[in-house]
Amino acid sequence: MENRADRKRSRLQHRLFCLMTGAAFLLLLAACGGGGEDADGAPAGGHDHQAHSSVTAEGDLQETTASLSDMPSFLAGESEYVKLSYAAAAKLKDTLRYIPCYCGCGESAGHRSSLNCFIAGVREDGRVVWDDHGARCGVCQQIALQSAKLKSEGSSDSDIRRFVDETYKEGYAKPTDTPLPPKV
């Protein structure tokens, strides 16, 4: 009985942590501007992101934008929490490539890390291929925002990796086959 109570308390603490992470990240990114939309609802700058979209064999929508600061149009209408997770992925792309995802996307979508849930790749010219998988998956969003919070507190990539592995080792899908961060 005590084990069930401990699990329930742990889940509540985890939810509280996620809420606090989201709130902290909202404050952190409040001053950051995104591409946004103009008064007519079109993407800022008059650029049509829809022209740069494709769908993967797994059903994920991928969209190419000019840079990491130019968010994909598929985020229009999404919650602030989802948008924050994408902003976190953009800022932490060099960290998230060492952080596994525990939603099952390694097997279902061929992802290699949490980064792939949000960003399929960054081309040599700086263009970014975004993936909408992260917009539809709470586990992906939690991992990205928890990683961002830990990074902002000074945690190393190895510390973040240990935290995520420990937090998601039970009750979640098999992790992606993600390389360990380099030893510093």
N, C-alpha and C. Protein backbone atom coordinates (compact mmCIF):
# COMPACT_ATOMS: atom_id res chain seq x y z
N MET A 1 0.82 -1.19 0.00
CA MET A 1 0.00 0.00 0.00
C MET A 1 0.87 1.25 0.00
N GLU A 2 1.94 1.22 0.77
CA GLU A 2 2.83 2.37 0.83
C GLU A 2 3.47 2.62 -0.54
N ASN A 3 3.77 1.54 -1.28
CA ASN A 3 4.38 1.67 -2.59
C ASN A 3 3.43 2.41 -3.55
N ARG A 4 2.14 2.12 -3.48
CA ARG A 4 1.16 2.79 -4.32
C ARG A 4 1.09 4.27 -3.96
N ALA A 5 1.11 4.58 -2.67
CA ALA A 5 1.07 5.97 -2.22
C ALA A 5 2.33 6.70 -2.67
N ASP A 6 3.49 6.02 -2.59
CA ASP A 6 4.73 6.63 -3.05
C ASP A 6 4.67 6.93 -4.55
N ARG A 7 4.12 5.99 -5.32
CA ARG A 7 4.01 6.20 -6.77
C ARG A 7 3.07 7.36 -7.07
N LYS A 8 1.97 7.44 -6.35
CA LYS A 8 1.01 8.52 -6.56
C LYS A 8 1.65 9.86 -6.22
N ARG A 9 2.36 9.91 -5.09
CA ARG A 9 3.04 11.15 -4.70
C ARG A 9 4.10 11.50 -5.74
N SER A 10 4.82 10.51 -6.24
CA SER A 10 5.85 10.75 -7.25
C SER A 10 5.24 11.31 -8.53
N ARG A 11 4.09 10.76 -8.94
CA ARG A 11 3.41 11.27 -10.14
C ARG A 11 2.95 12.70 -9.93
N LEU A 12 2.42 12.99 -8.76
CA LEU A 12 1.98 14.36 -8.47
C LEU A 12 3.17 15.32 -8.47
N GLN A 13 4.29 14.89 -7.89
CA GLN A 13 5.48 15.72 -7.89
C GLN A 13 5.97 15.95 -9.32
N HIS A 14 5.88 14.89 -10.14
CA HIS A 14 6.31 14.99 -11.54
C HIS A 14 5.43 16.00 -12.29
N ARG A 15 4.12 15.94 -12.08
CA ARG A 15 3.21 16.88 -12.73
C ARG A 15 3.47 18.30 -12.27
N LEU A 16 3.68 18.48 -10.96
CA LEU A 16 3.98 19.80 -10.43
C LEU A 16 5.27 20.33 -11.04
N PHE A 17 6.27 19.47 -11.14
CA PHE A 17 7.55 19.85 -11.73
C PHE A 17 7.33 20.30 -13.18
N CYS A 18 6.52 19.56 -13.93
CA CYS A 18 6.26 19.92 -15.32
C CYS A 18 5.55 21.27 -15.42
N LEU A 19 4.57 21.49 -14.56
CA LEU A 19 3.87 22.78 -14.56
C LEU A 19 4.82 23.92 -14.22
N MET A 20 5.64 23.71 -13.21
CA MET A 20 6.60 24.73 -12.80
C MET A 20 7.62 24.98 -13.92
N THR A 21 8.04 23.92 -14.58
CA THR A 21 8.99 24.05 -15.68
C THR A 21 8.39 24.90 -16.79
N GLY A 22 7.16 24.59 -17.14
CA GLY A 22 6.49 25.36 -18.19
C GLY A 22 6.35 26.83 -17.82
N ALA A 23 5.95 27.09 -16.58
CA ALA A 23 5.80 28.47 -16.13
C ALA A 23 7.13 29.21 -16.14
N ALA A 24 8.17 28.55 -15.66
CA ALA A 24 9.50 29.16 -15.64
C ALA A 24 9.98 29.43 -17.06
N PHE A 25 9.72 28.50 -17.94
CA PHE A 25 10.17 28.68 -19.31
C PHE A 25 9.38 29.78 -20.01
N LEU A 26 8.10 29.92 -19.68
CA LEU A 26 7.31 31.02 -20.23
C LEU A 26 7.93 32.35 -19.86
N LEU A 27 8.31 32.49 -18.59
CA LEU A 27 8.94 33.72 -18.15
C LEU A 27 10.27 33.94 -18.84
N LEU A 28 11.04 32.87 -18.98
CA LEU A 28 12.35 32.95 -19.60
C LEU A 28 12.26 33.39 -21.06
N LEU A 29 11.25 32.89 -21.77
CA LEU A 29 11.14 33.18 -23.19
C LEU A 29 10.20 34.32 -23.52
N ALA A 30 9.61 34.94 -22.51
CA ALA A 30 8.63 35.99 -22.76
C ALA A 30 9.19 37.11 -23.62
N ALA A 31 10.46 37.42 -23.46
CA ALA A 31 11.04 38.51 -24.23
C ALA A 31 11.50 38.07 -25.61
N CYS A 32 11.52 36.77 -25.86
CA CYS A 32 11.97 36.28 -27.16
C CYS A 32 10.85 36.40 -28.16
N GLY A 33 11.13 36.97 -29.31
CA GLY A 33 10.12 37.09 -30.35
C GLY A 33 10.19 35.92 -31.30
N GLY A 34 9.06 35.50 -31.81
CA GLY A 34 9.02 34.45 -32.82
C GLY A 34 8.65 35.07 -34.15
N GLY A 35 8.50 34.24 -35.14
CA GLY A 35 8.10 34.71 -36.45
C GLY A 35 6.71 35.32 -36.39
N GLY A 36 5.82 34.69 -35.64
CA GLY A 36 4.48 35.20 -35.45
C GLY A 36 3.67 35.29 -36.72
N GLU A 37 2.60 36.04 -36.65
CA GLU A 37 1.71 36.22 -37.78
C GLU A 37 1.43 37.71 -37.94
N ASP A 38 1.10 38.10 -39.17
CA ASP A 38 0.72 39.49 -39.37
C ASP A 38 -0.76 39.65 -39.04
N ALA A 39 -1.31 40.84 -39.26
CA ALA A 39 -2.69 41.14 -38.87
C ALA A 39 -3.71 40.26 -39.59
N ASP A 40 -3.37 39.74 -40.77
CA ASP A 40 -4.28 38.90 -41.53
C ASP A 40 -4.14 37.42 -41.19
N GLY A 41 -3.25 37.07 -40.24
CA GLY A 41 -3.05 35.68 -39.86
C GLY A 41 -2.03 34.96 -40.73
N ALA A 42 -1.41 35.67 -41.66
CA ALA A 42 -0.37 35.06 -42.49
C ALA A 42 0.94 35.09 -41.73
N PRO A 43 1.85 34.16 -42.03
CA PRO A 43 3.14 34.19 -41.34
C PRO A 43 3.83 35.53 -41.53
N ALA A 44 4.50 36.00 -40.48
CA ALA A 44 5.20 37.28 -40.53
C ALA A 44 6.19 37.27 -41.68
N GLY A 45 6.34 38.40 -42.30
CA GLY A 45 7.27 38.51 -43.41
C GLY A 45 6.66 38.02 -44.71
N GLY A 46 5.40 37.57 -44.68
CA GLY A 46 4.74 37.14 -45.90
C GLY A 46 5.24 35.82 -46.44
N HIS A 47 5.98 35.06 -45.67
CA HIS A 47 6.54 33.80 -46.13
C HIS A 47 5.57 32.66 -45.88
N ASP A 48 5.28 31.87 -46.88
CA ASP A 48 4.34 30.76 -46.77
C ASP A 48 5.09 29.47 -46.46
N HIS A 49 5.00 29.04 -45.19
CA HIS A 49 5.69 27.81 -44.78
C HIS A 49 5.06 26.58 -45.40
N GLN A 50 3.78 26.62 -45.73
CA GLN A 50 3.09 25.46 -46.28
C GLN A 50 3.79 24.95 -47.54
N ALA A 51 4.44 25.86 -48.27
CA ALA A 51 5.12 25.47 -49.51
C ALA A 51 6.34 24.60 -49.23
N HIS A 52 6.76 24.51 -47.99
CA HIS A 52 7.96 23.76 -47.63
C HIS A 52 7.63 22.59 -46.72
N SER A 53 6.45 21.98 -46.89
CA SER A 53 6.02 20.90 -46.01
C SER A 53 6.02 19.57 -46.73
N SER A 54 6.19 18.51 -45.94
CA SER A 54 6.09 17.14 -46.46
C SER A 54 5.63 16.24 -45.32
N VAL A 55 5.19 15.04 -45.65
CA VAL A 55 4.76 14.07 -44.65
C VAL A 55 5.65 12.84 -44.76
N THR A 56 6.16 12.38 -43.61
CA THR A 56 7.02 11.19 -43.60
C THR A 56 6.18 9.93 -43.74
N ALA A 57 6.83 8.81 -43.98
CA ALA A 57 6.15 7.52 -44.09
C ALA A 57 5.41 7.17 -42.79
N GLU A 58 5.91 7.69 -41.65
CA GLU A 58 5.29 7.44 -40.35
C GLU A 58 4.13 8.38 -40.08
N GLY A 59 3.89 9.34 -40.97
CA GLY A 59 2.77 10.26 -40.81
C GLY A 59 3.12 11.58 -40.15
N ASP A 60 4.39 11.81 -39.85
CA ASP A 60 4.80 13.07 -39.25
C ASP A 60 4.89 14.14 -40.33
N LEU A 61 4.37 15.31 -40.02
CA LEU A 61 4.48 16.46 -40.91
C LEU A 61 5.85 17.09 -40.68
N GLN A 62 6.58 17.35 -41.76
CA GLN A 62 7.85 18.05 -41.65
C GLN A 62 7.78 19.32 -42.47
N GLU A 63 8.33 20.38 -41.90
CA GLU A 63 8.30 21.68 -42.55
C GLU A 63 9.67 22.33 -42.46
N THR A 64 10.12 22.90 -43.56
CA THR A 64 11.41 23.57 -43.61
C THR A 64 11.23 25.07 -43.45
N THR A 65 12.02 25.65 -42.55
CA THR A 65 12.03 27.11 -42.37
C THR A 65 13.46 27.60 -42.56
N ALA A 66 13.61 28.90 -42.61
CA ALA A 66 14.90 29.51 -42.91
C ALA A 66 15.93 29.33 -41.80
N SER A 67 15.47 29.24 -40.53
CA SER A 67 16.42 29.16 -39.42
C SER A 67 15.74 28.62 -38.17
N LEU A 68 16.53 28.43 -37.12
CA LEU A 68 16.00 27.97 -35.84
C LEU A 68 15.06 28.99 -35.20
N SER A 69 15.22 30.26 -35.53
CA SER A 69 14.35 31.28 -34.95
C SER A 69 13.04 31.43 -35.71
N ASP A 70 12.93 30.77 -36.83
CA ASP A 70 11.72 30.82 -37.66
C ASP A 70 10.92 29.54 -37.40
N MET A 71 9.93 29.64 -36.50
CA MET A 71 9.16 28.46 -36.09
C MET A 71 8.23 27.99 -37.21
N PRO A 72 7.93 26.69 -37.23
CA PRO A 72 7.06 26.15 -38.29
C PRO A 72 5.62 26.61 -38.14
N SER A 73 4.92 26.69 -39.27
CA SER A 73 3.54 27.15 -39.25
C SER A 73 2.60 26.15 -38.59
N PHE A 74 2.99 24.87 -38.51
CA PHE A 74 2.10 23.90 -37.88
C PHE A 74 1.92 24.16 -36.38
N LEU A 75 2.69 25.09 -35.82
CA LEU A 75 2.51 25.45 -34.41
C LEU A 75 1.38 26.47 -34.22
N ALA A 76 0.89 27.04 -35.29
CA ALA A 76 -0.24 27.99 -35.19
C ALA A 76 -1.42 27.26 -34.57
N GLY A 77 -1.98 27.85 -33.55
CA GLY A 77 -3.13 27.24 -32.88
C GLY A 77 -2.76 26.26 -31.79
N GLU A 78 -1.48 25.95 -31.63
CA GLU A 78 -1.04 25.05 -30.57
C GLU A 78 -0.95 25.83 -29.25
N SER A 79 -0.93 25.11 -28.14
CA SER A 79 -0.83 25.73 -26.83
C SER A 79 0.55 26.36 -26.63
N GLU A 80 0.63 27.26 -25.67
CA GLU A 80 1.92 27.87 -25.34
C GLU A 80 2.92 26.81 -24.88
N TYR A 81 2.43 25.79 -24.21
CA TYR A 81 3.31 24.70 -23.73
C TYR A 81 3.99 24.01 -24.91
N VAL A 82 3.23 23.72 -25.96
CA VAL A 82 3.80 23.09 -27.16
C VAL A 82 4.79 24.03 -27.82
N LYS A 83 4.42 25.30 -27.96
CA LYS A 83 5.32 26.28 -28.58
C LYS A 83 6.61 26.42 -27.78
N LEU A 84 6.49 26.40 -26.45
CA LEU A 84 7.69 26.48 -25.60
C LEU A 84 8.59 25.27 -25.79
N SER A 85 8.00 24.11 -25.96
CA SER A 85 8.82 22.91 -26.16
C SER A 85 9.61 23.00 -27.46
N TYR A 86 9.02 23.58 -28.50
CA TYR A 86 9.74 23.78 -29.76
C TYR A 86 10.83 24.84 -29.62
N ALA A 87 10.53 25.91 -28.89
CA ALA A 87 11.55 26.93 -28.64
C ALA A 87 12.71 26.33 -27.84
N ALA A 88 12.38 25.48 -26.87
CA ALA A 88 13.43 24.81 -26.09
C ALA A 88 14.27 23.92 -26.98
N ALA A 89 13.63 23.18 -27.86
CA ALA A 89 14.38 22.30 -28.77
C ALA A 89 15.32 23.10 -29.66
N ALA A 90 14.85 24.25 -30.13
CA ALA A 90 15.70 25.10 -30.98
C ALA A 90 16.91 25.60 -30.21
N LYS A 91 16.68 26.03 -28.97
CA LYS A 91 17.78 26.55 -28.16
C LYS A 91 18.73 25.45 -27.68
N LEU A 92 18.20 24.26 -27.50
CA LEU A 92 18.99 23.16 -26.91
C LEU A 92 19.32 22.06 -27.90
N LYS A 93 19.36 22.36 -29.18
CA LYS A 93 19.57 21.30 -30.16
C LYS A 93 20.86 20.52 -29.91
N ASP A 94 21.89 21.18 -29.43
CA ASP A 94 23.15 20.49 -29.16
C ASP A 94 23.10 19.65 -27.89
N THR A 95 22.13 19.89 -27.04
CA THR A 95 21.94 19.08 -25.82
C THR A 95 20.97 17.93 -26.10
N LEU A 96 19.83 18.25 -26.73
CA LEU A 96 18.79 17.23 -26.93
C LEU A 96 19.25 16.08 -27.82
N ARG A 97 20.28 16.28 -28.62
CA ARG A 97 20.76 15.16 -29.44
C ARG A 97 21.39 14.06 -28.59
N TYR A 98 21.68 14.38 -27.30
CA TYR A 98 22.21 13.38 -26.36
C TYR A 98 21.16 12.91 -25.35
N ILE A 99 19.93 13.38 -25.51
CA ILE A 99 18.88 13.04 -24.56
C ILE A 99 17.88 12.09 -25.24
N PRO A 100 17.70 10.90 -24.70
CA PRO A 100 16.76 9.96 -25.33
C PRO A 100 15.31 10.38 -25.12
N CYS A 101 14.46 9.91 -26.01
CA CYS A 101 13.03 10.09 -25.84
C CYS A 101 12.44 8.76 -25.39
N TYR A 102 11.45 8.82 -24.55
CA TYR A 102 10.83 7.63 -23.97
C TYR A 102 9.37 7.47 -24.39
N CYS A 103 8.99 8.01 -25.54
CA CYS A 103 7.59 7.88 -25.98
C CYS A 103 7.39 6.70 -26.93
N GLY A 104 8.46 6.08 -27.38
CA GLY A 104 8.36 4.96 -28.31
C GLY A 104 8.69 5.35 -29.74
N CYS A 105 9.07 6.60 -29.95
CA CYS A 105 9.34 7.08 -31.31
C CYS A 105 10.60 6.49 -31.93
N GLY A 106 11.47 5.92 -31.11
CA GLY A 106 12.65 5.26 -31.67
C GLY A 106 12.23 4.10 -32.56
N GLU A 107 11.25 3.34 -32.09
CA GLU A 107 10.76 2.20 -32.87
C GLU A 107 9.71 2.61 -33.89
N SER A 108 8.81 3.53 -33.53
CA SER A 108 7.70 3.87 -34.43
C SER A 108 8.08 4.86 -35.52
N ALA A 109 9.02 5.76 -35.23
CA ALA A 109 9.36 6.80 -36.20
C ALA A 109 10.85 6.84 -36.56
N GLY A 110 11.65 5.95 -35.97
CA GLY A 110 13.08 5.92 -36.28
C GLY A 110 13.89 7.05 -35.67
N HIS A 111 13.34 7.71 -34.65
CA HIS A 111 14.07 8.80 -34.00
C HIS A 111 15.28 8.25 -33.23
N ARG A 112 16.33 9.07 -33.14
CA ARG A 112 17.55 8.69 -32.42
C ARG A 112 17.71 9.45 -31.11
N SER A 113 16.93 10.53 -30.92
CA SER A 113 17.05 11.33 -29.70
C SER A 113 15.80 12.19 -29.55
N SER A 114 15.72 12.91 -28.43
CA SER A 114 14.60 13.84 -28.22
C SER A 114 14.59 14.95 -29.25
N LEU A 115 15.74 15.31 -29.75
CA LEU A 115 15.82 16.37 -30.75
C LEU A 115 14.97 16.04 -31.96
N ASN A 116 15.02 14.76 -32.41
CA ASN A 116 14.29 14.36 -33.61
C ASN A 116 12.78 14.50 -33.48
N CYS A 117 12.26 14.57 -32.28
CA CYS A 117 10.82 14.76 -32.08
C CYS A 117 10.39 16.15 -32.53
N PHE A 118 11.32 17.07 -32.57
CA PHE A 118 11.05 18.47 -32.91
C PHE A 118 11.76 18.91 -34.19
N ILE A 119 13.00 18.50 -34.33
CA ILE A 119 13.83 18.92 -35.46
C ILE A 119 14.39 17.68 -36.14
N ALA A 120 14.00 17.51 -37.42
CA ALA A 120 14.49 16.36 -38.19
C ALA A 120 15.92 16.60 -38.66
N GLY A 121 16.28 17.87 -38.84
CA GLY A 121 17.64 18.17 -39.27
C GLY A 121 17.85 19.66 -39.50
N VAL A 122 19.12 20.03 -39.49
CA VAL A 122 19.52 21.40 -39.83
C VAL A 122 20.48 21.27 -41.00
N ARG A 123 20.14 21.92 -42.09
CA ARG A 123 20.94 21.82 -43.32
C ARG A 123 22.16 22.74 -43.24
N GLU A 124 23.09 22.50 -44.12
CA GLU A 124 24.33 23.29 -44.13
C GLU A 124 24.07 24.77 -44.28
N ASP A 125 23.02 25.14 -45.02
CA ASP A 125 22.71 26.55 -45.24
C ASP A 125 21.93 27.16 -44.08
N GLY A 126 21.71 26.38 -43.01
CA GLY A 126 21.02 26.87 -41.83
C GLY A 126 19.52 26.63 -41.82
N ARG A 127 18.97 26.17 -42.95
CA ARG A 127 17.54 25.88 -42.98
C ARG A 127 17.25 24.70 -42.04
N VAL A 128 16.09 24.76 -41.40
CA VAL A 128 15.71 23.77 -40.39
C VAL A 128 14.52 22.97 -40.90
N VAL A 129 14.61 21.64 -40.75
CA VAL A 129 13.49 20.77 -41.07
C VAL A 129 12.85 20.39 -39.74
N TRP A 130 11.68 20.96 -39.46
CA TRP A 130 10.95 20.73 -38.23
C TRP A 130 10.06 19.50 -38.39
N ASP A 131 9.80 18.80 -37.30
CA ASP A 131 8.93 17.63 -37.30
C ASP A 131 7.79 17.89 -36.31
N ASP A 132 6.57 17.56 -36.69
CA ASP A 132 5.43 17.85 -35.80
C ASP A 132 5.17 16.77 -34.76
N HIS A 133 6.00 15.74 -34.71
CA HIS A 133 5.82 14.67 -33.72
C HIS A 133 5.73 15.26 -32.30
N GLY A 134 6.64 16.17 -31.97
CA GLY A 134 6.67 16.77 -30.64
C GLY A 134 5.42 17.58 -30.30
N ALA A 135 4.71 18.05 -31.31
CA ALA A 135 3.49 18.83 -31.07
C ALA A 135 2.35 17.93 -30.61
N ARG A 136 2.48 16.63 -30.86
CA ARG A 136 1.42 15.68 -30.53
C ARG A 136 1.78 14.75 -29.38
N CYS A 137 2.90 14.98 -28.72
CA CYS A 137 3.36 14.02 -27.72
C CYS A 137 3.78 14.71 -26.42
N GLY A 138 3.03 14.47 -25.37
CA GLY A 138 3.32 15.06 -24.07
C GLY A 138 4.65 14.62 -23.48
N VAL A 139 5.05 13.38 -23.71
CA VAL A 139 6.33 12.90 -23.18
C VAL A 139 7.47 13.69 -23.82
N CYS A 140 7.40 13.88 -25.12
CA CYS A 140 8.44 14.65 -25.83
C CYS A 140 8.52 16.08 -25.28
N GLN A 141 7.36 16.69 -25.10
CA GLN A 141 7.31 18.06 -24.59
C GLN A 141 7.89 18.14 -23.19
N GLN A 142 7.54 17.20 -22.32
CA GLN A 142 8.06 17.20 -20.95
C GLN A 142 9.58 17.08 -20.94
N ILE A 143 10.09 16.16 -21.74
CA ILE A 143 11.56 15.95 -21.76
C ILE A 143 12.26 17.21 -22.24
N ALA A 144 11.74 17.85 -23.28
CA ALA A 144 12.38 19.07 -23.80
C ALA A 144 12.37 20.18 -22.77
N LEU A 145 11.22 20.39 -22.11
CA LEU A 145 11.12 21.48 -21.14
C LEU A 145 11.88 21.18 -19.85
N GLN A 146 11.89 19.93 -19.42
CA GLN A 146 12.70 19.58 -18.24
C GLN A 146 14.18 19.77 -18.55
N SER A 147 14.60 19.38 -19.75
CA SER A 147 16.00 19.56 -20.14
C SER A 147 16.36 21.04 -20.17
N ALA A 148 15.45 21.88 -20.68
CA ALA A 148 15.70 23.32 -20.74
C ALA A 148 15.84 23.91 -19.34
N LYS A 149 14.97 23.48 -18.45
CA LYS A 149 15.03 23.99 -17.08
C LYS A 149 16.35 23.60 -16.42
N LEU A 150 16.72 22.35 -16.56
CA LEU A 150 17.98 21.88 -15.97
C LEU A 150 19.18 22.60 -16.58
N LYS A 151 19.16 22.79 -17.89
CA LYS A 151 20.26 23.49 -18.56
C LYS A 151 20.36 24.93 -18.05
N SER A 152 19.21 25.58 -17.86
CA SER A 152 19.21 26.97 -17.37
C SER A 152 19.72 27.07 -15.94
N GLU A 153 19.64 25.95 -15.21
CA GLU A 153 20.15 25.90 -13.84
C GLU A 153 21.61 25.50 -13.79
N GLY A 154 22.23 25.28 -14.94
CA GLY A 154 23.65 24.97 -15.00
C GLY A 154 24.00 23.49 -15.10
N SER A 155 23.01 22.63 -15.29
CA SER A 155 23.29 21.20 -15.41
C SER A 155 24.02 20.91 -16.71
N SER A 156 24.91 19.94 -16.66
CA SER A 156 25.63 19.51 -17.86
C SER A 156 24.74 18.57 -18.67
N ASP A 157 25.13 18.32 -19.91
CA ASP A 157 24.38 17.38 -20.74
C ASP A 157 24.34 16.00 -20.09
N SER A 158 25.44 15.59 -19.47
CA SER A 158 25.48 14.29 -18.78
C SER A 158 24.52 14.25 -17.60
N ASP A 159 24.45 15.35 -16.84
CA ASP A 159 23.51 15.43 -15.71
C ASP A 159 22.06 15.35 -16.20
N ILE A 160 21.78 16.06 -17.27
CA ILE A 160 20.42 16.05 -17.83
C ILE A 160 20.08 14.65 -18.32
N ARG A 161 21.02 14.01 -18.99
CA ARG A 161 20.81 12.64 -19.49
C ARG A 161 20.50 11.71 -18.33
N ARG A 162 21.27 11.80 -17.24
CA ARG A 162 21.01 10.93 -16.07
C ARG A 162 19.63 11.20 -15.50
N PHE A 163 19.26 12.47 -15.39
CA PHE A 163 17.94 12.83 -14.86
C PHE A 163 16.83 12.21 -15.71
N VAL A 164 16.92 12.40 -17.02
CA VAL A 164 15.87 11.89 -17.92
C VAL A 164 15.82 10.37 -17.87
N ASP A 165 16.98 9.72 -17.92
CA ASP A 165 17.00 8.24 -17.86
C ASP A 165 16.38 7.74 -16.56
N GLU A 166 16.69 8.39 -15.45
CA GLU A 166 16.17 7.97 -14.15
C GLU A 166 14.67 8.24 -14.05
N THR A 167 14.24 9.39 -14.53
CA THR A 167 12.83 9.79 -14.45
C THR A 167 11.92 8.91 -15.30
N TYR A 168 12.38 8.51 -16.47
CA TYR A 168 11.52 7.82 -17.42
C TYR A 168 11.83 6.32 -17.56
N LYS A 169 12.66 5.77 -16.69
CA LYS A 169 13.06 4.38 -16.85
C LYS A 169 11.93 3.38 -16.61
N GLU A 170 10.92 3.76 -15.85
CA GLU A 170 9.80 2.86 -15.59
C GLU A 170 8.49 3.51 -16.00
N GLY A 171 7.63 2.71 -16.64
CA GLY A 171 6.30 3.19 -17.00
C GLY A 171 6.23 3.91 -18.32
N TYR A 172 7.32 3.95 -19.06
CA TYR A 172 7.36 4.61 -20.36
C TYR A 172 7.89 3.62 -21.40
N ALA A 173 7.84 4.00 -22.65
CA ALA A 173 8.31 3.15 -23.74
C ALA A 173 9.83 3.01 -23.71
N LYS A 174 10.31 2.10 -24.53
CA LYS A 174 11.75 1.91 -24.69
C LYS A 174 12.38 3.21 -25.21
N PRO A 175 13.53 3.60 -24.64
CA PRO A 175 14.14 4.86 -25.08
C PRO A 175 14.74 4.75 -26.48
N THR A 176 14.91 5.91 -27.10
CA THR A 176 15.62 5.95 -28.38
C THR A 176 17.06 5.51 -28.17
N ASP A 177 17.69 5.04 -29.22
CA ASP A 177 19.09 4.62 -29.18
C ASP A 177 19.96 5.87 -29.35
N THR A 178 20.16 6.56 -28.25
CA THR A 178 20.80 7.89 -28.25
C THR A 178 22.23 7.79 -27.73
N PRO A 179 23.18 8.40 -28.46
CA PRO A 179 24.57 8.39 -27.96
C PRO A 179 24.70 9.19 -26.67
N LEU A 180 25.67 8.80 -25.86
CA LEU A 180 25.95 9.53 -24.62
C LEU A 180 26.66 10.84 -24.96
N PRO A 181 26.48 11.86 -24.11
CA PRO A 181 27.22 13.11 -24.34
C PRO A 181 28.71 12.87 -24.19
N PRO A 182 29.53 13.64 -24.89
CA PRO A 182 30.98 13.50 -24.73
C PRO A 182 31.39 13.85 -23.30
N LYS A 183 32.40 13.17 -22.82
CA LYS A 183 32.91 13.48 -21.47
C LYS A 183 33.70 14.77 -21.54
N VAL A 184 33.40 15.65 -20.57
CA VAL A 184 34.05 16.97 -20.58
C VAL A 184 35.16 16.99 -19.55
